[in-house]
Amino acid sequence: MDSSSSPRKRQGHGVEKGVCSESGRKNGGGGGGGGQRRQQLTKVLLKVNIQNSFGAVQVVMPPGNTVGELTKAAIGIYVKEKRRPLLGSRDPECYELHYSQFSLESLKPEEKLMDLGSRNFFLCPKPGGCTVINSTYSSEPRIVAKSPFIITKFTNFLL
């Protein structure tokens, strides 16, 4: 057995299967243009931590989208996955996006994601907040006990 031929076989076998090598990427990978083209990102993975929630919501979207669209998408995913605690409102106008939970300055809704320089964000309710009269999650009517005895109100809660 020739020891010098086995690495070539493995390397050649990888190329036959379509494995891309570093030299292929640097040289254009098969394009006949000869000039180097910078690859454009088509989608970006962003992580949005929502206040009082465990774990980040992962959002995949184009880098040309805005902060407002990211906020709307993150809230939509959070609600769709039925995460806890429930949000007070689904309206993206009721929330602010920050770089972190320690950042006081919120991001402007019209800013482009590619201009921000980060892929991790923190979403929290606006300080003035939005008031919600009806719960957006429950279509069930609430049972209100009209008894003068407080213990009967707790028994409805426990059931």
N, C-alpha and C. Protein backbone atom coordinates (compact mmCIF):
# COMPACT_ATOMS: atom_id res chain seq x y z
N MET A 1 0.83 -1.18 0.00
CA MET A 1 0.00 0.00 0.00
C MET A 1 0.87 1.24 0.00
N ASP A 2 0.56 2.20 -0.82
CA ASP A 2 1.33 3.43 -0.92
C ASP A 2 0.74 4.45 0.05
N SER A 3 1.55 4.89 1.01
CA SER A 3 1.06 5.83 2.03
C SER A 3 0.83 7.24 1.48
N SER A 4 1.49 7.58 0.39
CA SER A 4 1.31 8.93 -0.17
C SER A 4 0.02 9.06 -0.97
N SER A 5 -0.57 7.95 -1.41
CA SER A 5 -1.78 8.05 -2.23
C SER A 5 -3.05 8.11 -1.38
N SER A 6 -3.02 7.63 -0.13
CA SER A 6 -4.25 7.62 0.66
C SER A 6 -4.77 9.01 1.00
N PRO A 7 -3.95 10.00 1.39
CA PRO A 7 -4.52 11.34 1.62
C PRO A 7 -5.10 11.95 0.36
N ARG A 8 -4.47 11.68 -0.79
CA ARG A 8 -5.00 12.23 -2.03
C ARG A 8 -6.36 11.62 -2.36
N LYS A 9 -6.50 10.33 -2.10
CA LYS A 9 -7.77 9.69 -2.36
C LYS A 9 -8.86 10.31 -1.51
N ARG A 10 -8.56 10.51 -0.22
CA ARG A 10 -9.56 11.10 0.66
C ARG A 10 -9.88 12.53 0.23
N GLN A 11 -8.87 13.29 -0.12
CA GLN A 11 -9.10 14.67 -0.55
C GLN A 11 -9.88 14.69 -1.86
N GLY A 12 -9.51 13.84 -2.79
CA GLY A 12 -10.21 13.78 -4.07
C GLY A 12 -11.64 13.30 -3.90
N HIS A 13 -11.84 12.35 -2.98
CA HIS A 13 -13.18 11.84 -2.72
C HIS A 13 -14.09 12.94 -2.19
N GLY A 14 -13.58 13.80 -1.32
CA GLY A 14 -14.37 14.91 -0.77
C GLY A 14 -14.77 15.89 -1.85
N VAL A 15 -13.89 16.13 -2.79
CA VAL A 15 -14.18 17.07 -3.87
C VAL A 15 -15.24 16.48 -4.79
N GLU A 16 -15.15 15.16 -5.03
CA GLU A 16 -16.14 14.52 -5.88
C GLU A 16 -17.54 14.60 -5.29
N LYS A 17 -17.64 14.54 -3.97
CA LYS A 17 -18.93 14.60 -3.32
C LYS A 17 -19.49 16.02 -3.22
N GLY A 18 -18.72 17.00 -3.60
CA GLY A 18 -19.21 18.38 -3.59
C GLY A 18 -18.81 19.17 -2.37
N VAL A 19 -17.82 18.68 -1.63
CA VAL A 19 -17.36 19.41 -0.46
C VAL A 19 -16.55 20.60 -0.91
N CYS A 20 -16.85 21.74 -0.41
CA CYS A 20 -16.18 22.97 -0.81
C CYS A 20 -14.93 23.17 0.03
N SER A 21 -13.82 23.47 -0.59
CA SER A 21 -12.58 23.72 0.15
C SER A 21 -12.37 25.21 0.30
N GLU A 22 -11.45 25.57 1.17
CA GLU A 22 -11.15 27.00 1.39
C GLU A 22 -10.62 27.64 0.11
N SER A 23 -9.79 26.92 -0.63
CA SER A 23 -9.25 27.51 -1.85
C SER A 23 -10.35 27.74 -2.89
N GLY A 24 -11.36 26.87 -2.89
CA GLY A 24 -12.48 27.05 -3.81
C GLY A 24 -13.28 28.30 -3.49
N ARG A 25 -13.42 28.61 -2.20
CA ARG A 25 -14.16 29.80 -1.81
C ARG A 25 -13.38 31.07 -2.16
N LYS A 26 -12.08 31.04 -1.93
CA LYS A 26 -11.27 32.23 -2.19
C LYS A 26 -11.17 32.55 -3.67
N ASN A 27 -11.17 31.51 -4.49
CA ASN A 27 -11.01 31.72 -5.92
C ASN A 27 -12.33 31.91 -6.64
N GLY A 28 -13.40 32.04 -5.94
CA GLY A 28 -14.68 32.24 -6.60
C GLY A 28 -15.50 30.97 -6.68
N GLY A 29 -14.91 29.82 -6.38
CA GLY A 29 -15.63 28.57 -6.28
C GLY A 29 -16.18 28.03 -7.58
N GLY A 30 -15.75 28.48 -8.72
CA GLY A 30 -16.26 27.93 -9.97
C GLY A 30 -16.88 28.98 -10.85
N GLY A 31 -17.03 30.18 -10.37
CA GLY A 31 -17.55 31.25 -11.21
C GLY A 31 -16.47 31.69 -12.18
N GLY A 32 -16.83 32.02 -13.37
CA GLY A 32 -15.85 32.37 -14.38
C GLY A 32 -15.49 33.85 -14.39
N GLY A 33 -16.00 34.65 -13.46
CA GLY A 33 -15.78 36.09 -13.48
C GLY A 33 -14.37 36.50 -13.15
N GLY A 34 -13.69 35.74 -12.31
CA GLY A 34 -12.32 36.07 -11.96
C GLY A 34 -12.24 37.11 -10.85
N GLY A 35 -13.21 38.02 -10.74
CA GLY A 35 -13.19 39.02 -9.68
C GLY A 35 -13.80 38.46 -8.41
N GLN A 36 -13.31 38.92 -7.27
CA GLN A 36 -13.87 38.43 -6.02
C GLN A 36 -15.14 39.19 -5.70
N ARG A 37 -16.18 38.45 -5.37
CA ARG A 37 -17.46 39.03 -5.05
C ARG A 37 -17.72 38.82 -3.56
N ARG A 38 -18.13 39.85 -2.88
CA ARG A 38 -18.45 39.72 -1.46
C ARG A 38 -19.85 39.13 -1.33
N GLN A 39 -19.96 38.09 -0.52
CA GLN A 39 -21.25 37.44 -0.35
C GLN A 39 -22.16 38.31 0.49
N GLN A 40 -23.38 38.48 0.02
CA GLN A 40 -24.37 39.25 0.75
C GLN A 40 -25.16 38.31 1.66
N LEU A 41 -25.41 38.75 2.87
CA LEU A 41 -26.23 37.96 3.78
C LEU A 41 -27.68 38.05 3.33
N THR A 42 -28.32 36.92 3.20
CA THR A 42 -29.72 36.93 2.81
C THR A 42 -30.62 36.94 4.03
N LYS A 43 -30.21 36.25 5.10
CA LYS A 43 -30.97 36.24 6.34
C LYS A 43 -30.01 36.20 7.51
N VAL A 44 -30.47 36.71 8.64
CA VAL A 44 -29.65 36.80 9.83
C VAL A 44 -30.42 36.20 11.01
N LEU A 45 -29.73 35.44 11.86
CA LEU A 45 -30.34 34.92 13.07
C LEU A 45 -30.16 35.94 14.18
N LEU A 46 -31.28 36.38 14.74
CA LEU A 46 -31.27 37.37 15.82
C LEU A 46 -31.90 36.76 17.05
N LYS A 47 -31.38 37.14 18.22
CA LYS A 47 -31.92 36.64 19.48
C LYS A 47 -32.47 37.81 20.27
N VAL A 48 -33.73 37.68 20.69
CA VAL A 48 -34.40 38.75 21.43
C VAL A 48 -34.83 38.19 22.78
N ASN A 49 -34.27 38.73 23.85
CA ASN A 49 -34.70 38.38 25.20
C ASN A 49 -35.85 39.28 25.57
N ILE A 50 -36.93 38.70 26.06
CA ILE A 50 -38.10 39.47 26.47
C ILE A 50 -38.12 39.53 27.98
N GLN A 51 -38.40 40.70 28.51
CA GLN A 51 -38.36 40.94 29.95
C GLN A 51 -39.19 39.90 30.71
N ASN A 52 -38.61 39.36 31.76
CA ASN A 52 -39.20 38.35 32.65
C ASN A 52 -39.41 36.99 31.99
N SER A 53 -38.87 36.77 30.82
CA SER A 53 -39.02 35.50 30.14
C SER A 53 -37.74 34.69 30.24
N PHE A 54 -37.87 33.37 30.19
CA PHE A 54 -36.70 32.50 30.20
C PHE A 54 -36.30 32.18 28.78
N GLY A 55 -35.07 32.43 28.44
CA GLY A 55 -34.57 32.11 27.12
C GLY A 55 -34.95 33.14 26.08
N ALA A 56 -34.14 33.22 25.07
CA ALA A 56 -34.34 34.20 24.00
C ALA A 56 -35.24 33.64 22.91
N VAL A 57 -35.95 34.54 22.26
CA VAL A 57 -36.73 34.20 21.08
C VAL A 57 -35.78 34.34 19.89
N GLN A 58 -35.70 33.31 19.07
CA GLN A 58 -34.82 33.36 17.91
C GLN A 58 -35.62 33.74 16.67
N VAL A 59 -35.15 34.76 15.98
CA VAL A 59 -35.84 35.29 14.81
C VAL A 59 -34.87 35.27 13.64
N VAL A 60 -35.30 34.76 12.50
CA VAL A 60 -34.51 34.77 11.28
C VAL A 60 -35.18 35.72 10.31
N MET A 61 -34.45 36.76 9.90
CA MET A 61 -35.01 37.74 8.97
C MET A 61 -33.91 38.43 8.18
N PRO A 62 -34.26 39.05 7.06
CA PRO A 62 -33.26 39.75 6.25
C PRO A 62 -32.65 40.93 7.01
N PRO A 63 -31.36 41.22 6.79
CA PRO A 63 -30.72 42.34 7.49
C PRO A 63 -31.24 43.70 7.06
N GLY A 64 -31.99 43.77 5.98
CA GLY A 64 -32.55 45.03 5.52
C GLY A 64 -33.81 45.44 6.27
N ASN A 65 -34.33 44.56 7.10
CA ASN A 65 -35.53 44.89 7.87
C ASN A 65 -35.22 45.89 8.97
N THR A 66 -36.27 46.44 9.56
CA THR A 66 -36.12 47.48 10.58
C THR A 66 -36.31 46.90 11.98
N VAL A 67 -35.99 47.72 12.97
CA VAL A 67 -36.17 47.36 14.37
C VAL A 67 -37.65 47.12 14.67
N GLY A 68 -38.53 47.92 14.09
CA GLY A 68 -39.96 47.73 14.28
C GLY A 68 -40.44 46.37 13.78
N GLU A 69 -39.92 45.94 12.64
CA GLU A 69 -40.29 44.63 12.10
C GLU A 69 -39.74 43.50 12.97
N LEU A 70 -38.54 43.69 13.53
CA LEU A 70 -37.98 42.70 14.44
C LEU A 70 -38.82 42.59 15.71
N THR A 71 -39.26 43.72 16.23
CA THR A 71 -40.10 43.72 17.42
C THR A 71 -41.40 42.98 17.15
N LYS A 72 -42.01 43.26 16.03
CA LYS A 72 -43.27 42.60 15.67
C LYS A 72 -43.07 41.10 15.50
N ALA A 73 -41.99 40.69 14.84
CA ALA A 73 -41.71 39.27 14.63
C ALA A 73 -41.42 38.56 15.95
N ALA A 74 -40.65 39.19 16.84
CA ALA A 74 -40.31 38.57 18.12
C ALA A 74 -41.57 38.37 18.98
N ILE A 75 -42.45 39.36 18.99
CA ILE A 75 -43.69 39.24 19.76
C ILE A 75 -44.57 38.15 19.16
N GLY A 76 -44.62 38.08 17.83
CA GLY A 76 -45.41 37.05 17.16
C GLY A 76 -44.92 35.65 17.49
N ILE A 77 -43.62 35.45 17.50
CA ILE A 77 -43.05 34.13 17.82
C ILE A 77 -43.31 33.79 19.28
N TYR A 78 -43.15 34.77 20.16
CA TYR A 78 -43.37 34.58 21.59
C TYR A 78 -44.80 34.12 21.86
N VAL A 79 -45.76 34.76 21.21
CA VAL A 79 -47.17 34.41 21.39
C VAL A 79 -47.47 33.05 20.75
N LYS A 80 -46.91 32.80 19.57
CA LYS A 80 -47.16 31.55 18.86
C LYS A 80 -46.64 30.35 19.65
N GLU A 81 -45.50 30.52 20.31
CA GLU A 81 -44.92 29.44 21.10
C GLU A 81 -45.56 29.31 22.49
N LYS A 82 -46.51 30.21 22.79
CA LYS A 82 -47.23 30.22 24.06
C LYS A 82 -46.29 30.26 25.26
N ARG A 83 -45.34 31.15 25.18
CA ARG A 83 -44.37 31.29 26.27
C ARG A 83 -44.99 32.01 27.45
N ARG A 84 -44.37 31.84 28.59
CA ARG A 84 -44.79 32.49 29.83
C ARG A 84 -43.71 33.41 30.30
N PRO A 85 -44.02 34.46 30.98
CA PRO A 85 -45.33 35.00 31.31
C PRO A 85 -46.00 35.59 30.07
N LEU A 86 -47.31 35.61 30.10
CA LEU A 86 -48.07 36.17 28.98
C LEU A 86 -47.80 37.65 28.87
N LEU A 87 -47.76 38.12 27.65
CA LEU A 87 -47.55 39.55 27.40
C LEU A 87 -48.84 40.32 27.64
N GLY A 88 -48.70 41.55 28.08
CA GLY A 88 -49.87 42.39 28.31
C GLY A 88 -50.54 42.82 27.02
N SER A 89 -49.78 42.91 25.95
CA SER A 89 -50.32 43.36 24.67
C SER A 89 -49.51 42.74 23.55
N ARG A 90 -50.14 42.53 22.41
CA ARG A 90 -49.44 42.05 21.21
C ARG A 90 -49.00 43.20 20.32
N ASP A 91 -49.35 44.40 20.67
CA ASP A 91 -49.05 45.57 19.86
C ASP A 91 -47.56 45.92 19.97
N PRO A 92 -46.81 45.91 18.87
CA PRO A 92 -45.39 46.24 18.93
C PRO A 92 -45.10 47.68 19.36
N GLU A 93 -46.11 48.55 19.24
CA GLU A 93 -45.94 49.94 19.65
C GLU A 93 -45.82 50.07 21.17
N CYS A 94 -46.19 49.05 21.90
CA CYS A 94 -46.16 49.07 23.36
C CYS A 94 -44.81 48.63 23.92
N TYR A 95 -43.85 48.29 23.03
CA TYR A 95 -42.56 47.75 23.47
C TYR A 95 -41.40 48.54 22.90
N GLU A 96 -40.27 48.44 23.60
CA GLU A 96 -39.03 49.07 23.15
C GLU A 96 -37.97 47.98 23.03
N LEU A 97 -37.10 48.14 22.05
CA LEU A 97 -35.99 47.21 21.84
C LEU A 97 -34.71 47.91 22.26
N HIS A 98 -33.92 47.22 23.07
CA HIS A 98 -32.65 47.74 23.58
C HIS A 98 -31.53 46.79 23.20
N TYR A 99 -30.27 47.27 23.28
CA TYR A 99 -29.13 46.39 23.06
C TYR A 99 -29.02 45.37 24.19
N SER A 100 -29.30 45.78 25.42
CA SER A 100 -29.27 44.87 26.56
C SER A 100 -30.24 45.38 27.61
N GLN A 101 -30.44 44.59 28.65
CA GLN A 101 -31.34 45.02 29.71
C GLN A 101 -30.75 46.15 30.54
N PHE A 102 -29.46 46.42 30.38
CA PHE A 102 -28.81 47.49 31.13
C PHE A 102 -28.69 48.78 30.33
N SER A 103 -29.12 48.75 29.08
CA SER A 103 -29.07 49.92 28.21
C SER A 103 -30.32 50.77 28.42
N LEU A 104 -30.12 52.04 28.70
CA LEU A 104 -31.25 52.94 28.92
C LEU A 104 -31.85 53.46 27.62
N GLU A 105 -31.03 53.57 26.60
CA GLU A 105 -31.49 54.14 25.33
C GLU A 105 -32.10 53.04 24.46
N SER A 106 -33.33 53.28 24.01
CA SER A 106 -33.98 52.30 23.15
C SER A 106 -33.63 52.58 21.69
N LEU A 107 -33.77 51.54 20.87
CA LEU A 107 -33.49 51.67 19.45
C LEU A 107 -34.69 52.27 18.74
N LYS A 108 -34.42 53.04 17.71
CA LYS A 108 -35.50 53.66 16.93
C LYS A 108 -36.13 52.60 16.02
N PRO A 109 -37.47 52.59 15.91
CA PRO A 109 -38.14 51.56 15.10
C PRO A 109 -37.79 51.60 13.62
N GLU A 110 -37.31 52.72 13.12
CA GLU A 110 -37.00 52.81 11.68
C GLU A 110 -35.55 52.45 11.35
N GLU A 111 -34.73 52.13 12.36
CA GLU A 111 -33.33 51.77 12.11
C GLU A 111 -33.25 50.41 11.42
N LYS A 112 -32.29 50.27 10.52
CA LYS A 112 -32.06 49.01 9.81
C LYS A 112 -31.23 48.07 10.69
N LEU A 113 -31.52 46.79 10.62
CA LEU A 113 -30.82 45.80 11.45
C LEU A 113 -29.35 45.71 11.08
N MET A 114 -29.01 45.86 9.80
CA MET A 114 -27.61 45.73 9.39
C MET A 114 -26.75 46.88 9.91
N ASP A 115 -27.36 47.98 10.33
CA ASP A 115 -26.61 49.12 10.83
C ASP A 115 -26.39 49.07 12.34
N LEU A 116 -26.97 48.09 13.02
CA LEU A 116 -26.92 48.07 14.49
C LEU A 116 -25.64 47.49 15.05
N GLY A 117 -25.04 46.50 14.38
CA GLY A 117 -23.80 45.92 14.86
C GLY A 117 -23.97 44.88 15.95
N SER A 118 -25.18 44.42 16.18
CA SER A 118 -25.43 43.40 17.18
C SER A 118 -26.52 42.47 16.68
N ARG A 119 -26.53 41.26 17.24
CA ARG A 119 -27.59 40.30 16.90
C ARG A 119 -28.35 39.84 18.13
N ASN A 120 -28.02 40.41 19.28
CA ASN A 120 -28.70 40.09 20.53
C ASN A 120 -29.36 41.34 21.07
N PHE A 121 -30.64 41.23 21.42
CA PHE A 121 -31.40 42.41 21.86
C PHE A 121 -32.26 42.07 23.07
N PHE A 122 -32.82 43.11 23.66
CA PHE A 122 -33.68 42.97 24.84
C PHE A 122 -34.96 43.75 24.58
N LEU A 123 -36.11 43.11 24.76
CA LEU A 123 -37.40 43.72 24.52
C LEU A 123 -38.11 43.92 25.85
N CYS A 124 -38.57 45.13 26.10
CA CYS A 124 -39.30 45.40 27.34
C CYS A 124 -40.45 46.36 27.05
N PRO A 125 -41.46 46.38 27.93
CA PRO A 125 -42.58 47.30 27.73
C PRO A 125 -42.13 48.75 27.86
N LYS A 126 -42.79 49.64 27.15
CA LYS A 126 -42.48 51.06 27.27
C LYS A 126 -42.81 51.54 28.68
N PRO A 127 -42.08 52.53 29.19
CA PRO A 127 -42.33 53.00 30.56
C PRO A 127 -43.77 53.48 30.78
N GLY A 128 -44.35 54.21 29.84
CA GLY A 128 -45.74 54.64 29.97
C GLY A 128 -46.67 53.47 29.79
N GLY A 129 -46.26 52.55 28.95
CA GLY A 129 -46.98 51.32 28.72
C GLY A 129 -48.30 51.50 28.00
N CYS A 130 -48.84 50.42 27.54
CA CYS A 130 -50.16 50.39 26.93
C CYS A 130 -51.09 49.72 27.91
N THR A 131 -52.27 50.23 28.00
CA THR A 131 -53.26 49.60 28.87
C THR A 131 -54.14 48.69 28.04
N VAL A 132 -54.32 47.49 28.51
CA VAL A 132 -55.13 46.51 27.81
C VAL A 132 -56.33 46.20 28.68
N ILE A 133 -57.51 46.35 28.11
CA ILE A 133 -58.73 46.06 28.86
C ILE A 133 -59.03 44.57 28.80
N ASN A 134 -58.99 43.98 27.62
CA ASN A 134 -59.28 42.56 27.44
C ASN A 134 -57.98 41.81 27.25
N SER A 135 -57.91 40.62 27.78
CA SER A 135 -56.74 39.78 27.58
C SER A 135 -56.71 39.32 26.13
N THR A 136 -55.55 39.36 25.51
CA THR A 136 -55.43 38.95 24.11
C THR A 136 -55.28 37.45 23.97
N TYR A 137 -55.06 36.74 25.08
CA TYR A 137 -54.80 35.31 25.00
C TYR A 137 -56.02 34.45 25.31
N SER A 138 -56.91 34.94 26.11
CA SER A 138 -58.00 34.11 26.59
C SER A 138 -59.33 34.58 26.01
N SER A 139 -60.07 33.63 25.48
CA SER A 139 -61.41 33.96 24.99
C SER A 139 -62.46 33.53 26.02
N GLU A 140 -62.01 32.92 27.12
CA GLU A 140 -62.93 32.49 28.16
C GLU A 140 -63.34 33.66 29.04
N PRO A 141 -64.61 33.72 29.43
CA PRO A 141 -65.00 34.79 30.36
C PRO A 141 -64.47 34.49 31.75
N ARG A 142 -64.13 35.52 32.47
CA ARG A 142 -63.65 35.35 33.83
C ARG A 142 -64.83 35.16 34.77
N ILE A 143 -64.64 34.28 35.73
CA ILE A 143 -65.67 34.04 36.73
C ILE A 143 -65.42 34.98 37.89
N VAL A 144 -66.41 35.78 38.20
CA VAL A 144 -66.30 36.73 39.29
C VAL A 144 -67.28 36.33 40.37
N ALA A 145 -66.75 36.07 41.55
CA ALA A 145 -67.61 35.69 42.67
C ALA A 145 -68.19 36.94 43.29
N LYS A 146 -69.50 36.93 43.52
CA LYS A 146 -70.17 38.08 44.11
C LYS A 146 -70.62 37.77 45.54
N SER A 147 -69.86 37.01 46.23
CA SER A 147 -70.20 36.64 47.59
C SER A 147 -69.51 37.60 48.56
N PRO A 148 -70.17 37.93 49.67
CA PRO A 148 -69.54 38.82 50.64
C PRO A 148 -68.43 38.12 51.42
N PHE A 149 -68.40 36.79 51.36
CA PHE A 149 -67.36 36.06 52.09
C PHE A 149 -66.15 35.84 51.20
N ILE A 150 -65.02 36.24 51.70
CA ILE A 150 -63.79 36.16 50.90
C ILE A 150 -63.37 34.73 50.62
N ILE A 151 -63.71 33.79 51.51
CA ILE A 151 -63.30 32.41 51.32
C ILE A 151 -63.92 31.80 50.07
N THR A 152 -65.13 32.20 49.71
CA THR A 152 -65.76 31.66 48.50
C THR A 152 -65.06 32.16 47.24
N LYS A 153 -64.45 33.32 47.30
CA LYS A 153 -63.68 33.81 46.15
C LYS A 153 -62.44 32.96 45.95
N PHE A 154 -61.81 32.51 47.03
CA PHE A 154 -60.62 31.69 46.92
C PHE A 154 -60.97 30.29 46.43
N THR A 155 -62.12 29.78 46.79
CA THR A 155 -62.48 28.44 46.32
C THR A 155 -62.68 28.43 44.81
N ASN A 156 -63.19 29.49 44.23
CA ASN A 156 -63.28 29.57 42.78
C ASN A 156 -61.89 29.60 42.15
N PHE A 157 -60.98 30.26 42.82
CA PHE A 157 -59.61 30.34 42.32
C PHE A 157 -58.94 28.97 42.36
N LEU A 158 -59.18 28.20 43.39
CA LEU A 158 -58.54 26.91 43.55
C LEU A 158 -59.11 25.85 42.61
N LEU A 159 -60.34 26.02 42.16
CA LEU A 159 -60.94 25.05 41.26
C LEU A 159 -60.44 25.28 39.90
